[in-house]
Amino acid sequence: MSNTIFHKIMAREIPATIELENDVLIVIRDINPQAPFHCLIIPKKTIRSIQELQSEDAHILMEMMSVAQALALKYGFDSQGYRLVMNCEEWGGQTVFQLHMHMLAGKQLSGGFA
């Protein structure tokens, strides 16, 4: 297993507020939230970034999306909306080099792209 902060959280070496966990991924609250609801959806399989995804990892991406939908329903963001963000490598803003997706919700978000 790699040695990122996310791997240490999965190994329970570092505490985190866990929203959900299953065999494929873990969802934790972001320690520096950018919205009232800000979670990180992190695969348990070590994958550095989007660039390292393989076709056999398609189920991981689907699980990440399914969990985002479930969290939106659970917390009531499904009708008002939410933002999902994945950064890729240093120039793309990735700071922890383990694939993960940010889920932000709970207020009207500005700075949209489309």
PDB file of N, CA and C in Angstrom:
ATOM      1  N   MET A   1       0.848  -1.186   0.000  1.00  0.00           N
ATOM      2  CA  MET A   1       0.000   0.000   0.000  1.00  0.00           C
ATOM      3  C   MET A   1       0.885   1.238   0.000  1.00  0.00           C
ATOM      4  N   SER A   2       0.442   2.253  -0.684  1.00  0.00           N
ATOM      5  CA  SER A   2       1.171   3.505  -0.767  1.00  0.00           C
ATOM      6  C   SER A   2       1.149   4.204   0.592  1.00  0.00           C
ATOM      7  N   ASN A   3       1.810   5.331   0.679  1.00  0.00           N
ATOM      8  CA  ASN A   3       1.964   5.992   1.960  1.00  0.00           C
ATOM      9  C   ASN A   3       1.342   7.388   1.988  1.00  0.00           C
ATOM     10  N   THR A   4       0.276   7.627   1.231  1.00  0.00           N
ATOM     11  CA  THR A   4      -0.377   8.933   1.276  1.00  0.00           C
ATOM     12  C   THR A   4      -1.197   9.059   2.550  1.00  0.00           C
ATOM     13  N   ILE A   5      -1.625  10.261   2.840  1.00  0.00           N
ATOM     14  CA  ILE A   5      -2.488  10.482   4.001  1.00  0.00           C
ATOM     15  C   ILE A   5      -3.768   9.656   3.884  1.00  0.00           C
ATOM     16  N   PHE A   6      -4.268   9.475   2.669  1.00  0.00           N
ATOM     17  CA  PHE A   6      -5.487   8.682   2.486  1.00  0.00           C
ATOM     18  C   PHE A   6      -5.241   7.215   2.830  1.00  0.00           C
ATOM     19  N   HIS A   7      -4.090   6.690   2.455  1.00  0.00           N
ATOM     20  CA  HIS A   7      -3.764   5.311   2.799  1.00  0.00           C
ATOM     21  C   HIS A   7      -3.621   5.160   4.315  1.00  0.00           C
ATOM     22  N   LYS A   8      -3.058   6.157   4.964  1.00  0.00           N
ATOM     23  CA  LYS A   8      -2.928   6.116   6.429  1.00  0.00           C
ATOM     24  C   LYS A   8      -4.296   6.171   7.101  1.00  0.00           C
ATOM     25  N   ILE A   9      -5.226   6.937   6.521  1.00  0.00           N
ATOM     26  CA  ILE A   9      -6.600   6.966   7.047  1.00  0.00           C
ATOM     27  C   ILE A   9      -7.255   5.597   6.872  1.00  0.00           C
ATOM     28  N   MET A  10      -7.101   4.998   5.679  1.00  0.00           N
ATOM     29  CA  MET A  10      -7.683   3.675   5.437  1.00  0.00           C
ATOM     30  C   MET A  10      -7.111   2.626   6.391  1.00  0.00           C
ATOM     31  N   ALA A  11      -5.836   2.774   6.748  1.00  0.00           N
ATOM     32  CA  ALA A  11      -5.177   1.839   7.675  1.00  0.00           C
ATOM     33  C   ALA A  11      -5.470   2.188   9.136  1.00  0.00           C
ATOM     34  N   ARG A  12      -6.254   3.240   9.341  1.00  0.00           N
ATOM     35  CA  ARG A  12      -6.625   3.728  10.679  1.00  0.00           C
ATOM     36  C   ARG A  12      -5.421   4.217  11.479  1.00  0.00           C
ATOM     37  N   GLU A  13      -4.394   4.681  10.759  1.00  0.00           N
ATOM     38  CA  GLU A  13      -3.231   5.271  11.414  1.00  0.00           C
ATOM     39  C   GLU A  13      -3.468   6.749  11.716  1.00  0.00           C
ATOM     40  N   ILE A  14      -4.383   7.368  10.970  1.00  0.00           N
ATOM     41  CA  ILE A  14      -4.746   8.769  11.148  1.00  0.00           C
ATOM     42  C   ILE A  14      -6.266   8.813  11.263  1.00  0.00           C
ATOM     43  N   PRO A  15      -6.792   9.553  12.255  1.00  0.00           N
ATOM     44  CA  PRO A  15      -8.249   9.617  12.388  1.00  0.00           C
ATOM     45  C   PRO A  15      -8.885  10.480  11.298  1.00  0.00           C
ATOM     46  N   ALA A  16     -10.123  10.154  10.982  1.00  0.00           N
ATOM     47  CA  ALA A  16     -10.905  10.926  10.020  1.00  0.00           C
ATOM     48  C   ALA A  16     -12.378  10.682  10.316  1.00  0.00           C
ATOM     49  N   THR A  17     -13.210  11.608   9.879  1.00  0.00           N
ATOM     50  CA  THR A  17     -14.652  11.421   9.985  1.00  0.00           C
ATOM     51  C   THR A  17     -15.093  10.648   8.751  1.00  0.00           C
ATOM     52  N   ILE A  18     -15.454   9.407   8.966  1.00  0.00           N
ATOM     53  CA  ILE A  18     -15.837   8.517   7.871  1.00  0.00           C
ATOM     54  C   ILE A  18     -17.344   8.580   7.673  1.00  0.00           C
ATOM     55  N   GLU A  19     -17.741   8.936   6.469  1.00  0.00           N
ATOM     56  CA  GLU A  19     -19.159   8.997   6.103  1.00  0.00           C
ATOM     57  C   GLU A  19     -19.680   7.638   5.662  1.00  0.00           C
ATOM     58  N   LEU A  20     -18.839   6.903   4.960  1.00  0.00           N
ATOM     59  CA  LEU A  20     -19.260   5.634   4.370  1.00  0.00           C
ATOM     60  C   LEU A  20     -18.011   4.842   4.023  1.00  0.00           C
ATOM     61  N   GLU A  21     -18.125   3.538   4.103  1.00  0.00           N
ATOM     62  CA  GLU A  21     -17.012   2.680   3.694  1.00  0.00           C
ATOM     63  C   GLU A  21     -17.582   1.360   3.203  1.00  0.00           C
ATOM     64  N   ASN A  22     -17.011   0.856   2.125  1.00  0.00           N
ATOM     65  CA  ASN A  22     -17.359  -0.479   1.644  1.00  0.00           C
ATOM     66  C   ASN A  22     -16.087  -1.147   1.133  1.00  0.00           C
ATOM     67  N   ASP A  23     -16.213  -2.231   0.414  1.00  0.00           N
ATOM     68  CA  ASP A  23     -15.036  -2.965  -0.063  1.00  0.00           C
ATOM     69  C   ASP A  23     -14.233  -2.196  -1.108  1.00  0.00           C
ATOM     70  N   VAL A  24     -14.883  -1.260  -1.803  1.00  0.00           N
ATOM     71  CA  VAL A  24     -14.257  -0.563  -2.930  1.00  0.00           C
ATOM     72  C   VAL A  24     -13.689   0.786  -2.534  1.00  0.00           C
ATOM     73  N   LEU A  25     -14.368   1.500  -1.617  1.00  0.00           N
ATOM     74  CA  LEU A  25     -13.929   2.864  -1.319  1.00  0.00           C
ATOM     75  C   LEU A  25     -14.255   3.287   0.095  1.00  0.00           C
ATOM     76  N   ILE A  26     -13.721   4.441   0.432  1.00  0.00           N
ATOM     77  CA  ILE A  26     -14.001   5.086   1.708  1.00  0.00           C
ATOM     78  C   ILE A  26     -14.366   6.536   1.402  1.00  0.00           C
ATOM     79  N   VAL A  27     -15.300   7.065   2.170  1.00  0.00           N
ATOM     80  CA  VAL A  27     -15.717   8.461   2.022  1.00  0.00           C
ATOM     81  C   VAL A  27     -15.455   9.151   3.349  1.00  0.00           C
ATOM     82  N   ILE A  28     -14.670  10.238   3.295  1.00  0.00           N
ATOM     83  CA  ILE A  28     -14.334  10.978   4.511  1.00  0.00           C
ATOM     84  C   ILE A  28     -14.705  12.446   4.343  1.00  0.00           C
ATOM     85  N   ARG A  29     -14.920  13.112   5.449  1.00  0.00           N
ATOM     86  CA  ARG A  29     -15.125  14.555   5.437  1.00  0.00           C
ATOM     87  C   ARG A  29     -13.774  15.240   5.194  1.00  0.00           C
ATOM     88  N   ASP A  30     -13.788  16.283   4.376  1.00  0.00           N
ATOM     89  CA  ASP A  30     -12.568  17.048   4.108  1.00  0.00           C
ATOM     90  C   ASP A  30     -12.233  17.872   5.345  1.00  0.00           C
ATOM     91  N   ILE A  31     -10.964  17.909   5.732  1.00  0.00           N
ATOM     92  CA  ILE A  31     -10.569  18.665   6.928  1.00  0.00           C
ATOM     93  C   ILE A  31     -10.482  20.162   6.660  1.00  0.00           C
ATOM     94  N   ASN A  32     -10.530  20.557   5.386  1.00  0.00           N
ATOM     95  CA  ASN A  32     -10.520  21.972   5.009  1.00  0.00           C
ATOM     96  C   ASN A  32     -11.681  22.207   4.039  1.00  0.00           C
ATOM     97  N   PRO A  33     -12.921  22.130   4.543  1.00  0.00           N
ATOM     98  CA  PRO A  33     -14.078  22.167   3.646  1.00  0.00           C
ATOM     99  C   PRO A  33     -14.222  23.472   2.881  1.00  0.00           C
ATOM    100  N   GLN A  34     -14.586  23.332   1.610  1.00  0.00           N
ATOM    101  CA  GLN A  34     -14.809  24.471   0.732  1.00  0.00           C
ATOM    102  C   GLN A  34     -16.303  24.723   0.522  1.00  0.00           C
ATOM    103  N   ALA A  35     -17.143  23.954   1.189  1.00  0.00           N
ATOM    104  CA  ALA A  35     -18.597  24.093   1.137  1.00  0.00           C
ATOM    105  C   ALA A  35     -19.140  23.493   2.440  1.00  0.00           C
ATOM    106  N   PRO A  36     -20.389  23.780   2.779  1.00  0.00           N
ATOM    107  CA  PRO A  36     -20.949  23.192   4.005  1.00  0.00           C
ATOM    108  C   PRO A  36     -20.849  21.664   4.046  1.00  0.00           C
ATOM    109  N   PHE A  37     -21.002  21.026   2.896  1.00  0.00           N
ATOM    110  CA  PHE A  37     -20.798  19.588   2.788  1.00  0.00           C
ATOM    111  C   PHE A  37     -19.637  19.380   1.826  1.00  0.00           C
ATOM    112  N   HIS A  38     -18.545  18.799   2.306  1.00  0.00           N
ATOM    113  CA  HIS A  38     -17.368  18.549   1.472  1.00  0.00           C
ATOM    114  C   HIS A  38     -16.768  17.219   1.902  1.00  0.00           C
ATOM    115  N   CYS A  39     -16.972  16.225   1.071  1.00  0.00           N
ATOM    116  CA  CYS A  39     -16.425  14.890   1.330  1.00  0.00           C
ATOM    117  C   CYS A  39     -15.457  14.500   0.229  1.00  0.00           C
ATOM    118  N   LEU A  40     -14.600  13.554   0.552  1.00  0.00           N
ATOM    119  CA  LEU A  40     -13.668  12.969  -0.407  1.00  0.00           C
ATOM    120  C   LEU A  40     -14.058  11.512  -0.596  1.00  0.00           C
ATOM    121  N   ILE A  41     -14.261  11.134  -1.839  1.00  0.00           N
ATOM    122  CA  ILE A  41     -14.618   9.760  -2.193  1.00  0.00           C
ATOM    123  C   ILE A  41     -13.345   9.120  -2.748  1.00  0.00           C
ATOM    124  N   ILE A  42     -12.813   8.139  -2.014  1.00  0.00           N
ATOM    125  CA  ILE A  42     -11.469   7.618  -2.278  1.00  0.00           C
ATOM    126  C   ILE A  42     -11.511   6.109  -2.512  1.00  0.00           C
ATOM    127  N   PRO A  43     -11.049   5.657  -3.669  1.00  0.00           N
ATOM    128  CA  PRO A  43     -10.949   4.212  -3.881  1.00  0.00           C
ATOM    129  C   PRO A  43      -9.911   3.584  -2.950  1.00  0.00           C
ATOM    130  N   LYS A  44     -10.156   2.369  -2.539  1.00  0.00           N
ATOM    131  CA  LYS A  44      -9.177   1.656  -1.713  1.00  0.00           C
ATOM    132  C   LYS A  44      -8.027   1.111  -2.546  1.00  0.00           C
ATOM    133  N   LYS A  45      -8.276   0.834  -3.817  1.00  0.00           N
ATOM    134  CA  LYS A  45      -7.206   0.379  -4.697  1.00  0.00           C
ATOM    135  C   LYS A  45      -6.238   1.549  -4.916  1.00  0.00           C
ATOM    136  N   THR A  46      -4.963   1.288  -4.814  1.00  0.00           N
ATOM    137  CA  THR A  46      -3.970   2.339  -5.038  1.00  0.00           C
ATOM    138  C   THR A  46      -3.914   2.679  -6.524  1.00  0.00           C
ATOM    139  N   ILE A  47      -4.350   3.901  -6.827  1.00  0.00           N
ATOM    140  CA  ILE A  47      -4.316   4.453  -8.179  1.00  0.00           C
ATOM    141  C   ILE A  47      -3.851   5.894  -8.011  1.00  0.00           C
ATOM    142  N   ARG A  48      -2.719   6.246  -8.565  1.00  0.00           N
ATOM    143  CA  ARG A  48      -2.137   7.573  -8.351  1.00  0.00           C
ATOM    144  C   ARG A  48      -3.063   8.702  -8.805  1.00  0.00           C
ATOM    145  N   SER A  49      -3.573   8.612 -10.021  1.00  0.00           N
ATOM    146  CA  SER A  49      -4.394   9.694 -10.572  1.00  0.00           C
ATOM    147  C   SER A  49      -5.257   9.151 -11.705  1.00  0.00           C
ATOM    148  N   ILE A  50      -6.049  10.003 -12.293  1.00  0.00           N
ATOM    149  CA  ILE A  50      -6.891   9.639 -13.428  1.00  0.00           C
ATOM    150  C   ILE A  50      -6.046   8.991 -14.529  1.00  0.00           C
ATOM    151  N   GLN A  51      -4.830   9.473 -14.719  1.00  0.00           N
ATOM    152  CA  GLN A  51      -3.963   8.972 -15.787  1.00  0.00           C
ATOM    153  C   GLN A  51      -3.595   7.505 -15.613  1.00  0.00           C
ATOM    154  N   GLU A  52      -3.699   6.977 -14.408  1.00  0.00           N
ATOM    155  CA  GLU A  52      -3.339   5.587 -14.165  1.00  0.00           C
ATOM    156  C   GLU A  52      -4.534   4.640 -14.209  1.00  0.00           C
ATOM    157  N   LEU A  53      -5.729   5.168 -14.441  1.00  0.00           N
ATOM    158  CA  LEU A  53      -6.905   4.304 -14.517  1.00  0.00           C
ATOM    159  C   LEU A  53      -6.787   3.338 -15.692  1.00  0.00           C
ATOM    160  N   GLN A  54      -7.233   2.120 -15.477  1.00  0.00           N
ATOM    161  CA  GLN A  54      -7.241   1.086 -16.503  1.00  0.00           C
ATOM    162  C   GLN A  54      -8.694   0.682 -16.762  1.00  0.00           C
ATOM    163  N   SER A  55      -8.933   0.020 -17.870  1.00  0.00           N
ATOM    164  CA  SER A  55     -10.302  -0.391 -18.196  1.00  0.00           C
ATOM    165  C   SER A  55     -10.896  -1.274 -17.100  1.00  0.00           C
ATOM    166  N   GLU A  56     -10.069  -2.067 -16.448  1.00  0.00           N
ATOM    167  CA  GLU A  56     -10.595  -2.927 -15.372  1.00  0.00           C
ATOM    168  C   GLU A  56     -11.008  -2.137 -14.125  1.00  0.00           C
ATOM    169  N   ASP A  57     -10.716  -0.846 -14.099  1.00  0.00           N
ATOM    170  CA  ASP A  57     -11.094   0.019 -12.971  1.00  0.00           C
ATOM    171  C   ASP A  57     -12.445   0.704 -13.180  1.00  0.00           C
ATOM    172  N   ALA A  58     -13.119   0.405 -14.281  1.00  0.00           N
ATOM    173  CA  ALA A  58     -14.395   1.082 -14.582  1.00  0.00           C
ATOM    174  C   ALA A  58     -15.392   0.931 -13.435  1.00  0.00           C
ATOM    175  N   HIS A  59     -15.400  -0.232 -12.793  1.00  0.00           N
ATOM    176  CA  HIS A  59     -16.341  -0.440 -11.680  1.00  0.00           C
ATOM    177  C   HIS A  59     -16.062   0.515 -10.518  1.00  0.00           C
ATOM    178  N   ILE A  60     -14.807   0.923 -10.352  1.00  0.00           N
ATOM    179  CA  ILE A  60     -14.459   1.859  -9.277  1.00  0.00           C
ATOM    180  C   ILE A  60     -15.094   3.218  -9.545  1.00  0.00           C
ATOM    181  N   LEU A  61     -14.982   3.691 -10.778  1.00  0.00           N
ATOM    182  CA  LEU A  61     -15.596   4.974 -11.126  1.00  0.00           C
ATOM    183  C   LEU A  61     -17.111   4.924 -10.966  1.00  0.00           C
ATOM    184  N   MET A  62     -17.714   3.818 -11.370  1.00  0.00           N
ATOM    185  CA  MET A  62     -19.162   3.672 -11.210  1.00  0.00           C
ATOM    186  C   MET A  62     -19.549   3.655  -9.731  1.00  0.00           C
ATOM    187  N   GLU A  63     -18.753   3.017  -8.913  1.00  0.00           N
ATOM    188  CA  GLU A  63     -19.026   2.984  -7.471  1.00  0.00           C
ATOM    189  C   GLU A  63     -18.896   4.391  -6.875  1.00  0.00           C
ATOM    190  N   MET A  64     -17.893   5.146  -7.336  1.00  0.00           N
ATOM    191  CA  MET A  64     -17.732   6.524  -6.854  1.00  0.00           C
ATOM    192  C   MET A  64     -18.969   7.363  -7.190  1.00  0.00           C
ATOM    193  N   MET A  65     -19.482   7.218  -8.399  1.00  0.00           N
ATOM    194  CA  MET A  65     -20.670   7.969  -8.820  1.00  0.00           C
ATOM    195  C   MET A  65     -21.914   7.508  -8.062  1.00  0.00           C
ATOM    196  N   SER A  66     -22.050   6.216  -7.864  1.00  0.00           N
ATOM    197  CA  SER A  66     -23.200   5.684  -7.130  1.00  0.00           C
ATOM    198  C   SER A  66     -23.213   6.181  -5.685  1.00  0.00           C
ATOM    199  N   VAL A  67     -22.042   6.229  -5.072  1.00  0.00           N
ATOM    200  CA  VAL A  67     -21.939   6.724  -3.700  1.00  0.00           C
ATOM    201  C   VAL A  67     -22.276   8.213  -3.647  1.00  0.00           C
ATOM    202  N   ALA A  68     -21.825   8.984  -4.638  1.00  0.00           N
ATOM    203  CA  ALA A  68     -22.173  10.405  -4.682  1.00  0.00           C
ATOM    204  C   ALA A  68     -23.693  10.573  -4.760  1.00  0.00           C
ATOM    205  N   GLN A  69     -24.346   9.780  -5.589  1.00  0.00           N
ATOM    206  CA  GLN A  69     -25.807   9.840  -5.692  1.00  0.00           C
ATOM    207  C   GLN A  69     -26.459   9.491  -4.354  1.00  0.00           C
ATOM    208  N   ALA A  70     -25.961   8.458  -3.697  1.00  0.00           N
ATOM    209  CA  ALA A  70     -26.516   8.037  -2.411  1.00  0.00           C
ATOM    210  C   ALA A  70     -26.335   9.114  -1.341  1.00  0.00           C
ATOM    211  N   LEU A  71     -25.159   9.737  -1.313  1.00  0.00           N
ATOM    212  CA  LEU A  71     -24.921  10.816  -0.343  1.00  0.00           C
ATOM    213  C   LEU A  71     -25.830  12.011  -0.622  1.00  0.00           C
ATOM    214  N   ALA A  72     -26.033  12.329  -1.900  1.00  0.00           N
ATOM    215  CA  ALA A  72     -26.926  13.435  -2.263  1.00  0.00           C
ATOM    216  C   ALA A  72     -28.347  13.162  -1.771  1.00  0.00           C
ATOM    217  N   LEU A  73     -28.808  11.933  -1.938  1.00  0.00           N
ATOM    218  CA  LEU A  73     -30.136  11.562  -1.436  1.00  0.00           C
ATOM    219  C   LEU A  73     -30.188  11.627   0.089  1.00  0.00           C
ATOM    220  N   LYS A  74     -29.184  11.074   0.737  1.00  0.00           N
ATOM    221  CA  LYS A  74     -29.138  11.023   2.205  1.00  0.00           C
ATOM    222  C   LYS A  74     -29.189  12.424   2.820  1.00  0.00           C
ATOM    223  N   TYR A  75     -28.455  13.360   2.231  1.00  0.00           N
ATOM    224  CA  TYR A  75     -28.354  14.703   2.805  1.00  0.00           C
ATOM    225  C   TYR A  75     -29.244  15.743   2.114  1.00  0.00           C
ATOM    226  N   GLY A  76     -30.036  15.309   1.129  1.00  0.00           N
ATOM    227  CA  GLY A  76     -31.009  16.199   0.507  1.00  0.00           C
ATOM    228  C   GLY A  76     -30.447  17.137  -0.547  1.00  0.00           C
ATOM    229  N   PHE A  77     -29.328  16.787  -1.149  1.00  0.00           N
ATOM    230  CA  PHE A  77     -28.733  17.625  -2.202  1.00  0.00           C
ATOM    231  C   PHE A  77     -29.120  17.168  -3.600  1.00  0.00           C
ATOM    232  N   ASP A  78     -29.876  16.086  -3.694  1.00  0.00           N
ATOM    233  CA  ASP A  78     -30.171  15.488  -4.999  1.00  0.00           C
ATOM    234  C   ASP A  78     -30.948  16.428  -5.910  1.00  0.00           C
ATOM    235  N   SER A  79     -31.861  17.220  -5.382  1.00  0.00           N
ATOM    236  CA  SER A  79     -32.654  18.095  -6.257  1.00  0.00           C
ATOM    237  C   SER A  79     -31.992  19.452  -6.484  1.00  0.00           C
ATOM    238  N   GLN A  80     -31.294  19.987  -5.482  1.00  0.00           N
ATOM    239  CA  GLN A  80     -30.645  21.298  -5.647  1.00  0.00           C
ATOM    240  C   GLN A  80     -29.316  21.204  -6.365  1.00  0.00           C
ATOM    241  N   GLY A  81     -28.655  20.075  -6.241  1.00  0.00           N
ATOM    242  CA  GLY A  81     -27.397  19.865  -6.947  1.00  0.00           C
ATOM    243  C   GLY A  81     -26.176  19.859  -6.058  1.00  0.00           C
ATOM    244  N   TYR A  82     -25.075  19.473  -6.668  1.00  0.00           N
ATOM    245  CA  TYR A  82     -23.792  19.357  -5.986  1.00  0.00           C
ATOM    246  C   TYR A  82     -22.699  19.359  -7.046  1.00  0.00           C
ATOM    247  N   ARG A  83     -21.466  19.461  -6.609  1.00  0.00           N
ATOM    248  CA  ARG A  83     -20.329  19.476  -7.530  1.00  0.00           C
ATOM    249  C   ARG A  83     -19.411  18.305  -7.213  1.00  0.00           C
ATOM    250  N   LEU A  84     -18.950  17.640  -8.269  1.00  0.00           N
ATOM    251  CA  LEU A  84     -17.951  16.580  -8.160  1.00  0.00           C
ATOM    252  C   LEU A  84     -16.705  17.043  -8.886  1.00  0.00           C
ATOM    253  N   VAL A  85     -15.551  16.942  -8.228  1.00  0.00           N
ATOM    254  CA  VAL A  85     -14.292  17.431  -8.800  1.00  0.00           C
ATOM    255  C   VAL A  85     -13.219  16.370  -8.631  1.00  0.00           C
ATOM    256  N   MET A  86     -12.504  16.108  -9.731  1.00  0.00           N
ATOM    257  CA  MET A  86     -11.329  15.232  -9.677  1.00  0.00           C
ATOM    258  C   MET A  86     -10.156  15.988 -10.297  1.00  0.00           C
ATOM    259  N   ASN A  87      -9.118  16.186  -9.524  1.00  0.00           N
ATOM    260  CA  ASN A  87      -7.913  16.839 -10.021  1.00  0.00           C
ATOM    261  C   ASN A  87      -6.936  15.767 -10.497  1.00  0.00           C
ATOM    262  N   CYS A  88      -6.128  16.112 -11.502  1.00  0.00           N
ATOM    263  CA  CYS A  88      -5.196  15.139 -12.061  1.00  0.00           C
ATOM    264  C   CYS A  88      -3.779  15.708 -12.105  1.00  0.00           C
ATOM    265  N   GLU A  89      -2.927  15.117 -11.304  1.00  0.00           N
ATOM    266  CA  GLU A  89      -1.505  15.468 -11.230  1.00  0.00           C
ATOM    267  C   GLU A  89      -1.308  16.929 -10.782  1.00  0.00           C
ATOM    268  N   GLU A  90      -0.056  17.304 -10.624  1.00  0.00           N
ATOM    269  CA  GLU A  90       0.295  18.591 -10.000  1.00  0.00           C
ATOM    270  C   GLU A  90      -0.311  19.796 -10.713  1.00  0.00           C
ATOM    271  N   TRP A  91      -0.185  19.865 -12.023  1.00  0.00           N
ATOM    272  CA  TRP A  91      -0.697  21.025 -12.746  1.00  0.00           C
ATOM    273  C   TRP A  91      -2.215  21.077 -12.738  1.00  0.00           C
ATOM    274  N   GLY A  92      -2.846  19.957 -12.506  1.00  0.00           N
ATOM    275  CA  GLY A  92      -4.301  19.903 -12.411  1.00  0.00           C
ATOM    276  C   GLY A  92      -4.819  20.168 -11.008  1.00  0.00           C
ATOM    277  N   GLY A  93      -3.909  20.437 -10.081  1.00  0.00           N
ATOM    278  CA  GLY A  93      -4.302  20.781  -8.720  1.00  0.00           C
ATOM    279  C   GLY A  93      -4.333  19.622  -7.743  1.00  0.00           C
ATOM    280  N   GLN A  94      -3.907  18.438  -8.162  1.00  0.00           N
ATOM    281  CA  GLN A  94      -3.895  17.293  -7.254  1.00  0.00           C
ATOM    282  C   GLN A  94      -2.763  17.466  -6.254  1.00  0.00           C
ATOM    283  N   THR A  95      -3.085  17.321  -4.955  1.00  0.00           N
ATOM    284  CA  THR A  95      -2.059  17.462  -3.918  1.00  0.00           C
ATOM    285  C   THR A  95      -1.811  16.159  -3.161  1.00  0.00           C
ATOM    286  N   VAL A  96      -2.783  15.246  -3.170  1.00  0.00           N
ATOM    287  CA  VAL A  96      -2.592  13.915  -2.601  1.00  0.00           C
ATOM    288  C   VAL A  96      -2.658  12.949  -3.770  1.00  0.00           C
ATOM    289  N   PHE A  97      -1.593  12.212  -3.972  1.00  0.00           N
ATOM    290  CA  PHE A  97      -1.471  11.392  -5.170  1.00  0.00           C
ATOM    291  C   PHE A  97      -2.018   9.980  -4.958  1.00  0.00           C
ATOM    292  N   GLN A  98      -3.316   9.976  -4.682  1.00  0.00           N
ATOM    293  CA  GLN A  98      -4.173   8.798  -4.661  1.00  0.00           C
ATOM    294  C   GLN A  98      -5.478   9.292  -5.276  1.00  0.00           C
ATOM    295  N   LEU A  99      -5.972   8.588  -6.283  1.00  0.00           N
ATOM    296  CA  LEU A  99      -7.208   8.990  -6.940  1.00  0.00           C
ATOM    297  C   LEU A  99      -8.286   9.284  -5.906  1.00  0.00           C
ATOM    298  N   HIS A 100      -8.975  10.410  -6.073  1.00  0.00           N
ATOM    299  CA  HIS A 100     -10.087  10.755  -5.197  1.00  0.00           C
ATOM    300  C   HIS A 100     -10.963  11.795  -5.874  1.00  0.00           C
ATOM    301  N   MET A 101     -12.182  11.903  -5.389  1.00  0.00           N
ATOM    302  CA  MET A 101     -13.137  12.851  -5.933  1.00  0.00           C
ATOM    303  C   MET A 101     -13.711  13.668  -4.782  1.00  0.00           C
ATOM    304  N   HIS A 102     -13.759  14.978  -4.988  1.00  0.00           N
ATOM    305  CA  HIS A 102     -14.381  15.876  -4.022  1.00  0.00           C
ATOM    306  C   HIS A 102     -15.871  15.973  -4.328  1.00  0.00           C
ATOM    307  N   MET A 103     -16.689  15.934  -3.294  1.00  0.00           N
ATOM    308  CA  MET A 103     -18.113  16.184  -3.428  1.00  0.00           C
ATOM    309  C   MET A 103     -18.443  17.388  -2.569  1.00  0.00           C
ATOM    310  N   LEU A 104     -18.925  18.457  -3.221  1.00  0.00           N
ATOM    311  CA  LEU A 104     -19.240  19.702  -2.527  1.00  0.00           C
ATOM    312  C   LEU A 104     -20.722  20.016  -2.698  1.00  0.00           C
ATOM    313  N   ALA A 105     -21.350  20.447  -1.610  1.00  0.00           N
ATOM    314  CA  ALA A 105     -22.781  20.749  -1.665  1.00  0.00           C
ATOM    315  C   ALA A 105     -23.160  21.581  -0.443  1.00  0.00           C
ATOM    316  N   GLY A 106     -24.434  21.916  -0.380  1.00  0.00           N
ATOM    317  CA  GLY A 106     -24.948  22.611   0.793  1.00  0.00           C
ATOM    318  C   GLY A 106     -25.122  24.102   0.632  1.00  0.00           C
ATOM    319  N   LYS A 107     -24.720  24.639  -0.506  1.00  0.00           N
ATOM    320  CA  LYS A 107     -24.926  26.043  -0.827  1.00  0.00           C
ATOM    321  C   LYS A 107     -24.787  26.198  -2.337  1.00  0.00           C
ATOM    322  N   GLN A 108     -25.220  27.352  -2.849  1.00  0.00           N
ATOM    323  CA  GLN A 108     -25.037  27.637  -4.268  1.00  0.00           C
ATOM    324  C   GLN A 108     -23.542  27.854  -4.498  1.00  0.00           C
ATOM    325  N   LEU A 109     -22.968  27.053  -5.363  1.00  0.00           N
ATOM    326  CA  LEU A 109     -21.533  27.128  -5.632  1.00  0.00           C
ATOM    327  C   LEU A 109     -21.272  28.078  -6.799  1.00  0.00           C
ATOM    328  N   SER A 110     -20.260  28.891  -6.656  1.00  0.00           N
ATOM    329  CA  SER A 110     -19.905  29.822  -7.731  1.00  0.00           C
ATOM    330  C   SER A 110     -18.710  29.271  -8.508  1.00  0.00           C
ATOM    331  N   GLY A 111     -18.361  29.935  -9.581  1.00  0.00           N
ATOM    332  CA  GLY A 111     -17.185  29.537 -10.336  1.00  0.00           C
ATOM    333  C   GLY A 111     -17.399  28.313 -11.181  1.00  0.00           C
ATOM    334  N   GLY A 112     -18.610  28.112 -11.661  1.00  0.00           N
ATOM    335  CA  GLY A 112     -18.889  26.955 -12.497  1.00  0.00           C
ATOM    336  C   GLY A 112     -18.184  27.043 -13.854  1.00  0.00           C
ATOM    337  N   PHE A 113     -18.055  25.922 -14.503  1.00  0.00           N
ATOM    338  CA  PHE A 113     -17.363  25.853 -15.791  1.00  0.00           C
ATOM    339  C   PHE A 113     -18.323  25.779 -16.958  1.00  0.00           C
ATOM    340  N   ALA A 114     -19.550  25.371 -16.722  1.00  0.00           N
ATOM    341  CA  ALA A 114     -20.511  25.266 -17.818  1.00  0.00           C
ATOM    342  C   ALA A 114     -21.911  25.514 -17.326  1.00  0.00           C
TER     343      ALA A 114
END
